[in-house]
Amino acid sequence: MRHEEERFAAAVEQLKTFSAAITDNEARADLAVILTGFETMRPYVGVGLRVCASDQTLEAMDRLHQGGKLPQHLWNTLMSAVDLARKSDLASPKQEAVLKPCRRDAPRHLRSSLPLGANRVKRFA
């Protein structure tokens, strides 16, 4: 597992742990939206692709934060996970393109080794 994926998974686990202690139904619904959004983004982060959180996920995070139901440390963790998902794959070294040997193709009029007008004879072994 890559470092970015581990950080993202840790944020999701913290959110799951926090959601177990919430009793307010509106807050639980917002947490469910956030968890669903993060679980949707997780495979993309796992392979190093950039992905943005959905509007519903960001709105739910904002509602919980504005309502004071989301602790500051969890807010910071979630926002860093969202920023991590938005960034391109900077941590892994980029591989240089492998140059494959290529054989140049001769022009059509130079391909044949037989002189012009010569007959091709099939030889059987």
N, C-alpha and C. Protein backbone atom coordinates (compact mmCIF):
# COMPACT_ATOMS: atom_id res chain seq x y z
N MET A 1 0.85 -1.16 0.00
CA MET A 1 0.00 0.00 0.00
C MET A 1 0.90 1.23 0.00
N ARG A 2 0.59 2.17 -0.83
CA ARG A 2 1.37 3.39 -0.93
C ARG A 2 1.06 4.32 0.24
N HIS A 3 1.96 5.27 0.45
CA HIS A 3 1.82 6.20 1.58
C HIS A 3 0.53 7.01 1.48
N GLU A 4 0.21 7.48 0.26
CA GLU A 4 -1.01 8.28 0.09
C GLU A 4 -2.25 7.45 0.40
N GLU A 5 -2.23 6.21 -0.04
CA GLU A 5 -3.38 5.34 0.21
C GLU A 5 -3.52 5.05 1.70
N GLU A 6 -2.40 4.89 2.39
CA GLU A 6 -2.44 4.64 3.83
C GLU A 6 -3.01 5.84 4.58
N ARG A 7 -2.59 7.04 4.19
CA ARG A 7 -3.12 8.25 4.83
C ARG A 7 -4.61 8.39 4.58
N PHE A 8 -5.03 8.10 3.36
CA PHE A 8 -6.44 8.20 3.01
C PHE A 8 -7.25 7.17 3.79
N ALA A 9 -6.74 5.94 3.88
CA ALA A 9 -7.43 4.88 4.63
C ALA A 9 -7.51 5.23 6.12
N ALA A 10 -6.46 5.84 6.65
CA ALA A 10 -6.47 6.24 8.06
C ALA A 10 -7.53 7.30 8.33
N ALA A 11 -7.70 8.23 7.39
CA ALA A 11 -8.74 9.25 7.54
C ALA A 11 -10.13 8.62 7.53
N VAL A 12 -10.33 7.64 6.67
CA VAL A 12 -11.62 6.95 6.61
C VAL A 12 -11.88 6.19 7.91
N GLU A 13 -10.85 5.54 8.44
CA GLU A 13 -11.02 4.80 9.69
C GLU A 13 -11.32 5.74 10.86
N GLN A 14 -10.67 6.90 10.90
CA GLN A 14 -10.98 7.87 11.95
C GLN A 14 -12.42 8.35 11.85
N LEU A 15 -12.88 8.54 10.63
CA LEU A 15 -14.26 8.98 10.42
C LEU A 15 -15.24 7.90 10.86
N LYS A 16 -14.94 6.65 10.58
CA LYS A 16 -15.81 5.54 11.01
C LYS A 16 -15.86 5.45 12.53
N THR A 17 -14.71 5.62 13.16
CA THR A 17 -14.65 5.58 14.63
C THR A 17 -15.46 6.72 15.24
N PHE A 18 -15.33 7.90 14.65
CA PHE A 18 -16.08 9.06 15.14
C PHE A 18 -17.58 8.87 14.93
N SER A 19 -17.97 8.28 13.79
CA SER A 19 -19.40 8.15 13.49
C SER A 19 -20.10 7.17 14.43
N ALA A 20 -19.33 6.27 15.06
CA ALA A 20 -19.94 5.32 16.00
C ALA A 20 -20.46 6.02 17.25
N ALA A 21 -19.87 7.18 17.57
CA ALA A 21 -20.26 7.88 18.79
C ALA A 21 -21.36 8.92 18.58
N ILE A 22 -21.77 9.16 17.35
CA ILE A 22 -22.77 10.19 17.04
C ILE A 22 -24.17 9.60 17.16
N THR A 23 -25.06 10.36 17.81
CA THR A 23 -26.44 9.90 17.97
C THR A 23 -27.44 10.74 17.19
N ASP A 24 -27.05 11.93 16.77
CA ASP A 24 -27.92 12.82 16.01
C ASP A 24 -28.14 12.25 14.61
N ASN A 25 -29.41 12.11 14.20
CA ASN A 25 -29.72 11.50 12.91
C ASN A 25 -29.23 12.32 11.72
N GLU A 26 -29.34 13.64 11.81
CA GLU A 26 -28.86 14.48 10.70
C GLU A 26 -27.35 14.38 10.55
N ALA A 27 -26.66 14.37 11.68
CA ALA A 27 -25.20 14.23 11.64
C ALA A 27 -24.81 12.85 11.11
N ARG A 28 -25.55 11.82 11.50
CA ARG A 28 -25.27 10.47 10.99
C ARG A 28 -25.49 10.39 9.48
N ALA A 29 -26.52 11.09 8.99
CA ALA A 29 -26.76 11.09 7.55
C ALA A 29 -25.62 11.80 6.81
N ASP A 30 -25.15 12.92 7.37
CA ASP A 30 -24.02 13.61 6.77
C ASP A 30 -22.76 12.76 6.81
N LEU A 31 -22.53 12.07 7.90
CA LEU A 31 -21.37 11.18 8.00
C LEU A 31 -21.46 10.03 7.00
N ALA A 32 -22.66 9.53 6.77
CA ALA A 32 -22.84 8.47 5.78
C ALA A 32 -22.51 8.97 4.37
N VAL A 33 -22.90 10.21 4.09
CA VAL A 33 -22.57 10.80 2.78
C VAL A 33 -21.06 10.96 2.63
N ILE A 34 -20.41 11.42 3.69
CA ILE A 34 -18.95 11.61 3.65
C ILE A 34 -18.25 10.27 3.48
N LEU A 35 -18.67 9.28 4.25
CA LEU A 35 -18.05 7.95 4.14
C LEU A 35 -18.23 7.35 2.75
N THR A 36 -19.42 7.50 2.19
CA THR A 36 -19.67 7.00 0.84
C THR A 36 -18.79 7.71 -0.18
N GLY A 37 -18.66 9.02 -0.03
CA GLY A 37 -17.80 9.78 -0.94
C GLY A 37 -16.35 9.37 -0.85
N PHE A 38 -15.87 9.16 0.37
CA PHE A 38 -14.48 8.75 0.54
C PHE A 38 -14.24 7.33 0.04
N GLU A 39 -15.19 6.45 0.26
CA GLU A 39 -15.06 5.08 -0.24
C GLU A 39 -15.08 5.06 -1.76
N THR A 40 -15.80 5.98 -2.36
CA THR A 40 -15.82 6.09 -3.82
C THR A 40 -14.47 6.58 -4.34
N MET A 41 -13.84 7.49 -3.63
CA MET A 41 -12.56 8.04 -4.06
C MET A 41 -11.39 7.10 -3.79
N ARG A 42 -11.54 6.20 -2.84
CA ARG A 42 -10.44 5.35 -2.39
C ARG A 42 -9.74 4.57 -3.50
N PRO A 43 -10.44 3.89 -4.43
CA PRO A 43 -9.72 3.15 -5.48
C PRO A 43 -8.89 4.04 -6.38
N TYR A 44 -9.36 5.25 -6.62
CA TYR A 44 -8.62 6.18 -7.48
C TYR A 44 -7.34 6.64 -6.80
N VAL A 45 -7.43 6.90 -5.50
CA VAL A 45 -6.24 7.30 -4.75
C VAL A 45 -5.26 6.14 -4.69
N GLY A 46 -5.80 4.92 -4.61
CA GLY A 46 -4.95 3.73 -4.53
C GLY A 46 -4.07 3.53 -5.75
N VAL A 47 -4.53 3.95 -6.90
CA VAL A 47 -3.73 3.79 -8.12
C VAL A 47 -3.03 5.08 -8.52
N GLY A 48 -3.17 6.13 -7.71
CA GLY A 48 -2.44 7.37 -7.96
C GLY A 48 -3.11 8.34 -8.89
N LEU A 49 -4.40 8.21 -9.10
CA LEU A 49 -5.11 9.15 -9.96
C LEU A 49 -5.65 10.31 -9.15
N ARG A 50 -5.81 11.44 -9.80
CA ARG A 50 -6.39 12.60 -9.14
C ARG A 50 -7.90 12.46 -9.15
N VAL A 51 -8.51 12.83 -8.05
CA VAL A 51 -9.96 12.77 -7.95
C VAL A 51 -10.41 13.88 -6.99
N CYS A 52 -11.54 14.46 -7.30
CA CYS A 52 -12.10 15.49 -6.43
C CYS A 52 -13.31 14.92 -5.71
N ALA A 53 -13.48 15.37 -4.49
CA ALA A 53 -14.65 14.94 -3.73
C ALA A 53 -15.90 15.54 -4.36
N SER A 54 -17.00 14.82 -4.25
CA SER A 54 -18.25 15.31 -4.82
C SER A 54 -18.75 16.50 -4.02
N ASP A 55 -19.65 17.25 -4.65
CA ASP A 55 -20.22 18.42 -3.98
C ASP A 55 -21.00 18.01 -2.73
N GLN A 56 -21.70 16.87 -2.80
CA GLN A 56 -22.47 16.42 -1.64
C GLN A 56 -21.53 16.10 -0.47
N THR A 57 -20.39 15.49 -0.77
CA THR A 57 -19.45 15.15 0.29
C THR A 57 -18.89 16.41 0.94
N LEU A 58 -18.50 17.37 0.13
CA LEU A 58 -17.95 18.62 0.67
C LEU A 58 -19.00 19.41 1.44
N GLU A 59 -20.25 19.41 0.95
CA GLU A 59 -21.33 20.10 1.67
C GLU A 59 -21.61 19.45 3.01
N ALA A 60 -21.61 18.12 3.04
CA ALA A 60 -21.85 17.41 4.30
C ALA A 60 -20.72 17.69 5.30
N MET A 61 -19.48 17.72 4.81
CA MET A 61 -18.36 18.04 5.69
C MET A 61 -18.50 19.46 6.24
N ASP A 62 -18.90 20.38 5.38
CA ASP A 62 -19.05 21.78 5.80
C ASP A 62 -20.19 21.93 6.81
N ARG A 63 -21.31 21.22 6.58
CA ARG A 63 -22.43 21.30 7.53
C ARG A 63 -22.02 20.81 8.91
N LEU A 64 -21.30 19.69 8.95
CA LEU A 64 -20.86 19.15 10.24
C LEU A 64 -19.87 20.10 10.92
N HIS A 65 -18.98 20.67 10.13
CA HIS A 65 -17.98 21.58 10.70
C HIS A 65 -18.63 22.87 11.20
N GLN A 66 -19.54 23.44 10.41
CA GLN A 66 -20.22 24.67 10.82
C GLN A 66 -21.12 24.43 12.02
N GLY A 67 -21.71 23.25 12.12
CA GLY A 67 -22.57 22.93 13.25
C GLY A 67 -21.81 22.58 14.52
N GLY A 68 -20.50 22.50 14.43
CA GLY A 68 -19.68 22.20 15.61
C GLY A 68 -19.70 20.74 16.00
N LYS A 69 -20.17 19.87 15.13
CA LYS A 69 -20.26 18.45 15.44
C LYS A 69 -19.02 17.68 15.02
N LEU A 70 -18.17 18.31 14.25
CA LEU A 70 -16.95 17.67 13.75
C LEU A 70 -15.75 18.29 14.47
N PRO A 71 -15.00 17.50 15.23
CA PRO A 71 -13.83 18.05 15.93
C PRO A 71 -12.81 18.62 14.95
N GLN A 72 -12.04 19.59 15.42
CA GLN A 72 -11.08 20.27 14.55
C GLN A 72 -10.01 19.32 14.01
N HIS A 73 -9.53 18.39 14.82
CA HIS A 73 -8.49 17.47 14.34
C HIS A 73 -9.04 16.56 13.25
N LEU A 74 -10.30 16.15 13.37
CA LEU A 74 -10.90 15.31 12.33
C LEU A 74 -11.17 16.12 11.07
N TRP A 75 -11.57 17.37 11.23
CA TRP A 75 -11.77 18.27 10.08
C TRP A 75 -10.46 18.42 9.32
N ASN A 76 -9.35 18.65 10.05
CA ASN A 76 -8.05 18.80 9.41
C ASN A 76 -7.63 17.52 8.69
N THR A 77 -7.90 16.37 9.30
CA THR A 77 -7.56 15.09 8.69
C THR A 77 -8.36 14.87 7.41
N LEU A 78 -9.66 15.18 7.46
CA LEU A 78 -10.49 14.99 6.27
C LEU A 78 -10.09 15.95 5.15
N MET A 79 -9.79 17.19 5.50
CA MET A 79 -9.38 18.15 4.48
C MET A 79 -8.04 17.78 3.86
N SER A 80 -7.13 17.25 4.65
CA SER A 80 -5.85 16.82 4.09
C SER A 80 -6.05 15.60 3.19
N ALA A 81 -7.01 14.74 3.53
CA ALA A 81 -7.30 13.59 2.67
C ALA A 81 -7.92 14.05 1.35
N VAL A 82 -8.79 15.05 1.41
CA VAL A 82 -9.39 15.60 0.18
C VAL A 82 -8.31 16.24 -0.68
N ASP A 83 -7.40 17.01 -0.05
CA ASP A 83 -6.31 17.63 -0.79
C ASP A 83 -5.37 16.58 -1.37
N LEU A 84 -5.13 15.53 -0.62
CA LEU A 84 -4.28 14.44 -1.09
C LEU A 84 -4.88 13.78 -2.33
N ALA A 85 -6.19 13.60 -2.34
CA ALA A 85 -6.85 12.98 -3.49
C ALA A 85 -6.82 13.89 -4.71
N ARG A 86 -6.79 15.20 -4.48
CA ARG A 86 -6.78 16.16 -5.60
C ARG A 86 -5.42 16.27 -6.27
N LYS A 87 -4.37 15.99 -5.52
CA LYS A 87 -3.02 16.15 -6.06
C LYS A 87 -2.70 14.98 -6.98
N SER A 88 -1.84 15.27 -7.94
CA SER A 88 -1.40 14.19 -8.83
C SER A 88 -0.38 13.33 -8.10
N ASP A 89 0.04 12.30 -8.72
CA ASP A 89 0.94 11.32 -8.13
C ASP A 89 2.36 11.91 -8.08
N LEU A 90 2.63 12.73 -7.06
CA LEU A 90 3.93 13.38 -6.96
C LEU A 90 4.93 12.56 -6.16
N ALA A 91 4.46 11.71 -5.28
CA ALA A 91 5.37 11.00 -4.40
C ALA A 91 6.09 9.85 -5.10
N SER A 92 5.45 9.21 -6.03
CA SER A 92 6.11 8.08 -6.69
C SER A 92 7.01 8.59 -7.81
N PRO A 93 8.16 7.98 -7.97
CA PRO A 93 9.07 8.44 -9.01
C PRO A 93 8.49 8.17 -10.39
N LYS A 94 8.64 9.13 -11.24
CA LYS A 94 8.13 8.96 -12.59
C LYS A 94 9.15 8.19 -13.40
N GLN A 95 8.67 7.21 -14.11
CA GLN A 95 9.57 6.42 -14.94
C GLN A 95 9.77 7.09 -16.27
N GLU A 96 11.00 7.01 -16.74
CA GLU A 96 11.27 7.54 -18.06
C GLU A 96 10.72 6.57 -19.09
N ALA A 97 10.35 7.11 -20.20
CA ALA A 97 9.82 6.27 -21.26
C ALA A 97 10.93 5.35 -21.75
N VAL A 98 10.59 4.10 -21.90
CA VAL A 98 11.56 3.11 -22.37
C VAL A 98 11.58 3.18 -23.89
N LEU A 99 12.76 3.40 -24.41
CA LEU A 99 12.90 3.46 -25.85
C LEU A 99 13.05 2.04 -26.39
N LYS A 100 12.17 1.69 -27.24
CA LYS A 100 12.23 0.36 -27.85
C LYS A 100 12.99 0.48 -29.16
N PRO A 101 13.83 -0.51 -29.42
CA PRO A 101 14.53 -0.45 -30.69
C PRO A 101 13.53 -0.58 -31.83
N CYS A 102 13.73 0.20 -32.84
CA CYS A 102 12.81 0.14 -33.96
C CYS A 102 13.59 -0.14 -35.24
N ARG A 103 12.98 -0.83 -36.11
CA ARG A 103 13.58 -1.13 -37.40
C ARG A 103 12.89 -0.26 -38.43
N ARG A 104 13.67 0.53 -39.08
CA ARG A 104 13.09 1.41 -40.08
C ARG A 104 12.67 0.59 -41.29
N ASP A 105 11.56 0.95 -41.79
CA ASP A 105 11.03 0.28 -42.97
C ASP A 105 11.53 1.00 -44.20
N ALA A 106 12.05 0.23 -45.14
CA ALA A 106 12.56 0.82 -46.37
C ALA A 106 11.39 1.26 -47.25
N PRO A 107 11.58 2.26 -48.07
CA PRO A 107 10.53 2.65 -48.99
C PRO A 107 10.13 1.47 -49.88
N ARG A 108 8.91 1.49 -50.35
CA ARG A 108 8.37 0.36 -51.10
C ARG A 108 9.21 0.00 -52.32
N HIS A 109 9.74 0.99 -53.01
CA HIS A 109 10.50 0.69 -54.22
C HIS A 109 11.88 0.10 -53.91
N LEU A 110 12.35 0.18 -52.63
CA LEU A 110 13.63 -0.40 -52.26
C LEU A 110 13.51 -1.72 -51.50
N ARG A 111 12.31 -2.15 -51.21
CA ARG A 111 12.12 -3.36 -50.41
C ARG A 111 12.57 -4.62 -51.12
N SER A 112 12.30 -4.74 -52.36
CA SER A 112 12.60 -5.96 -53.07
C SER A 112 14.07 -6.01 -53.44
N SER A 113 14.66 -7.17 -53.27
CA SER A 113 16.06 -7.32 -53.64
C SER A 113 16.21 -7.80 -55.09
N LEU A 114 15.10 -8.15 -55.71
CA LEU A 114 15.13 -8.59 -57.11
C LEU A 114 15.15 -7.37 -58.03
N PRO A 115 15.95 -7.45 -59.06
CA PRO A 115 15.94 -6.35 -60.02
C PRO A 115 14.59 -6.27 -60.72
N LEU A 116 14.29 -5.12 -61.21
CA LEU A 116 13.04 -4.88 -61.88
C LEU A 116 12.92 -5.81 -63.09
N GLY A 117 11.81 -6.46 -63.24
CA GLY A 117 11.58 -7.35 -64.37
C GLY A 117 12.01 -8.78 -64.14
N ALA A 118 12.68 -9.12 -63.04
CA ALA A 118 13.13 -10.49 -62.78
C ALA A 118 11.96 -11.30 -62.24
N ASN A 119 11.93 -12.56 -62.54
CA ASN A 119 10.87 -13.46 -62.07
C ASN A 119 11.28 -14.08 -60.74
N ARG A 120 10.32 -14.26 -59.92
CA ARG A 120 10.56 -14.94 -58.64
C ARG A 120 10.33 -16.42 -58.85
N VAL A 121 11.26 -17.18 -58.42
CA VAL A 121 11.15 -18.63 -58.57
C VAL A 121 11.01 -19.23 -57.19
N LYS A 122 9.99 -20.05 -57.02
CA LYS A 122 9.78 -20.71 -55.74
C LYS A 122 10.63 -21.96 -55.73
N ARG A 123 11.42 -22.12 -54.73
CA ARG A 123 12.26 -23.31 -54.61
C ARG A 123 11.71 -24.16 -53.48
N PHE A 124 11.62 -25.41 -53.72
CA PHE A 124 11.13 -26.35 -52.72
C PHE A 124 12.33 -27.06 -52.12
N ALA A 125 12.38 -27.19 -50.89
CA ALA A 125 13.51 -27.85 -50.23
C ALA A 125 13.32 -29.32 -50.14
